[in-house]
Amino acid sequence: MRREDPVRTGPLQAPDFSSLAGPMNDVTAVPETPPLSRERFAGLLDAGTSVERRCLLYELTGGIPGWLATLAPLTDPELRELARTGLFPGPLPQHAREPDRLGPVERDVVRAAAVLGDPFDPALAAAVARRGAAAVLPALDVLAERGVISPHTVGTPLFRFRHPLLRAVVYARIPPGARIAAHARAAEVLDETGAEPAQRAVHVARSAAPGDLSAVRLLADAADHVLGSAPERAVEWLRAARRIAPFDTPPALRRRLVLALWRAAERVGDHRLCRELLPELGDLEDATAVAELRARLAIDLGRHDEARDLLTAGLRAAPEDKAPPLRLRLALLAAVRGELPAVRELLAEDRGPEAAAVVALAGAVAGHTADYRAGAAAAAAFLRAMDAAALAEHVETVVRLGWAAHVAEDFSAAAGLFARGVRAARRAGRSGALPRLLLGHACALLALGRLAEALRSAEDCEARASTLHRPDLAGFARLLRASALTWRDGCPRTGAAAAAPATVERLWWAVLPPEAGRRPPGNEDHDGPGGSGGPGSRDGDDGPGGPGSPAGPISHDAPGAPGSPGSPGSPGGLEGSGVLEGSGAGVPRIAPGRRARDLYARAEAVDDGLALPLLREAASGFADRRMALWEGHTRLLLAQRLARAGELSAAAEEAGRAKALAVATGSGRLRRLAIDQQRAIGGRRPRVGAATTPALSVRESEIVRMVRLGMPNRDIADTLVISVKTVEAHLTRIFRKTGVRSRTALAAAAAGGTAPG
């Protein structure tokens, strides 16, 4: 935690910065290079750097590698604190010093600016530094020339530090006493100008003396003002208000502080602070309200049985006007179990967006399409009418509706909902909801085959979940990240593919590679794609053709669920995690994607004659759900079975479609397997000139002759007055007809007189 400034107990002196002049290492020497992409920035870090630390370093440096040396000595908790407050939590690193060779006026101005924060008004900086405007304006020119500050925007008299870390370094160099005095002076000047409480609160929180009741009220007012846009700041101000509040604080004000702090802590995901406040809330609130708060916390932490007991007891004792929130929470717990009748009964009189989303979730989990669609349509209509600020107040509704869409295999709708929720939560500082939103976003994107975006969301989720001390959500994010990397790269792991946890696969079957979580073929009595007994690899399964099948181009080199600490490793790993508000329920049996998955599994265990129609139907089902990765893998297996059956042209067509899907999704793994399959098919074709080789068209024959002459595709296109893509398409057909694999082989065959046409 950040070190608190010493409490002021006597009269303040005007801040005096002039006594601190002396030689220091100049942080303005950090080169202001263009920011790197996340991928290039990560390449500068050690291979063992955690995802959370990598994301924190990127966020704090803005992608500028020159600032890494300043942050390298900090621990992960210190980096979190710096990201949260913008202040160094401990001693400043020895090599990170404020700008050197500054005169006393420039030093006073830059430190006053660091106290005021970005952007700052030069007039306020002059007042805090107790310097006249005639001296401050030239000092600003010097600071701008040195690269310490720059104009905030064109046309305004505001300035800002060149980099947030530069401001943090300068602020950290101010002695604690001078810092308190500077904040007190800033609060005084802002009060004289009639500034709003939110503008004065940061300075009051860092300078007010214990027992100052007017400061407590100002901080409470300011926290109310920023709760919807910056709840982390509200937490800081309310904690300061409680610290300086006198022992005889009026009960109404004390209750206001505790409830506001609970709301702010819940928004930022600080469950520890919420737990600390519960005993005090029990003394200040009625039993019904406390029961609802306790249940909300229990649900967030995955303690669903405890939450159900609290809500049931609270509902029995609650007056009718206070019962709806309790019913809504109970309905949510019933929805994730697919208990649709109970949900209908509890929400019979509720027509709000939260209730509609819960009905949609219950319908999706239970497999009742009509209820899912009705609830989803009603909730979506509410959400579409909201602007970003209003949507931020309903991010939990977005989470429930997004997972409902995902379970119902409406992946495009789920991705859109989660993306909008992420934007609203970030804008409003709702960091407590971000891990679940990002997790849903990554899951939906991965189901759709948008690998690069899914990987970014999964990494962001893992970093934020780790910051909030949620190893369960971080573990699921690692599972998604491993799946995305497997689809993208096909990185092998040691040993056989491990089985994915059963409850994870029931929800995320659409994003796991086919090798993860296989169920025994022919087992129809299962409650999820992984089977009731949990998925497992089949003994002797050395290829997609089943046990003992000849080795084919589709190799099973994908990892299963990661076994690193924090990853879900038990059948109960998903329940109580907060991912789907604790659901381990399965995907509806009637869903096209689910049926396609079952067809795929059945096709693996039967001979080619029976497998071909199953695989064609499975590929169509995956295409209907826009599940590009699974469709591509299915078409690869179909191509292999067609080739074994001697249908080489159809096999080549399916392999080509799989390759196109691999390119569209960025799946290097699928692309490699598709190319291997195409080579295997080409190896079984008759050589060029055989009687079975289809004749080339006139245009194809022209292109063959030009290839023999060594003309590149561009010259061929110019000669024939067609596009390069058309030339490439003709060559693809020529290769398929002639059975050759390259332009060189085609030219050699044509030179030998064996090419048709």
Foldseek 3Di string as FASTA:
>chain_A
DADAFDFDDDDADQQAPQVPADDAQAPLPQDPDPADDLVVLVVVDDPPDALLVSVLVCVQQVRRVSCCVQCVVDDSVQSLVCVLPLARRDAGPRNQAHHHPAHRLLLQLLLLCLLLAPWDALVLSCQSSVHDPVSSVVSVVVCVVSQQKDAPDPPDRIIHGNHSVNSNRSNSPRDSSSSLNSLVSSLVVCVVVVHQLLSNQVSCLRHPHAQPLVNLVSLLVNLVVQLLFALSVNLSSLVSSVVRHDPPPPLVSVLSSLVSNLSSCLLQLQLVVNVVSLVVVVVNDDLLVSLLSVLVSQLQQQNNVSSLVSLVVSLVPDDPVSNLSSLLSNLLSCLLVLNLVSLCVSCVPPQDLSSLLSQLSSCFLVVNVVSNVRSLVSNVVVLVPDDLSVVLVVLVSLLSNLLSCLLLLVLVVSLVSLVSSLVSSVRRVSLSSLLLSLLSNLLSCLQLLQLVSSLVSLSVSLNSCVSSVQLLSNQSSVQSNLLSCCQQPVAADPDAAFEAQLLCCQRRVSRHPPRHQCDQAPPPPAFGNNGPVTGGGDPQQQDLLGHPDDDALDGRRGHYRDPDPSHQDYNQSQASSSNNSRHSGGRNCPQLQNQLSNLSSNLSDDALVVNLVSLVSSLVSSVVSSRLSVNLVSLLVNLVSCVVVVVLVSSLVSLVSSLVSCVVSNRPSSNSSSVRSNVVSLVPDDAFQDPPQDAADPLLVVLLVVLLVVDDLVVSCVVVVHDSVVSVVSVVVQCSRRSDDDSVVSSVCVVVVRHHD
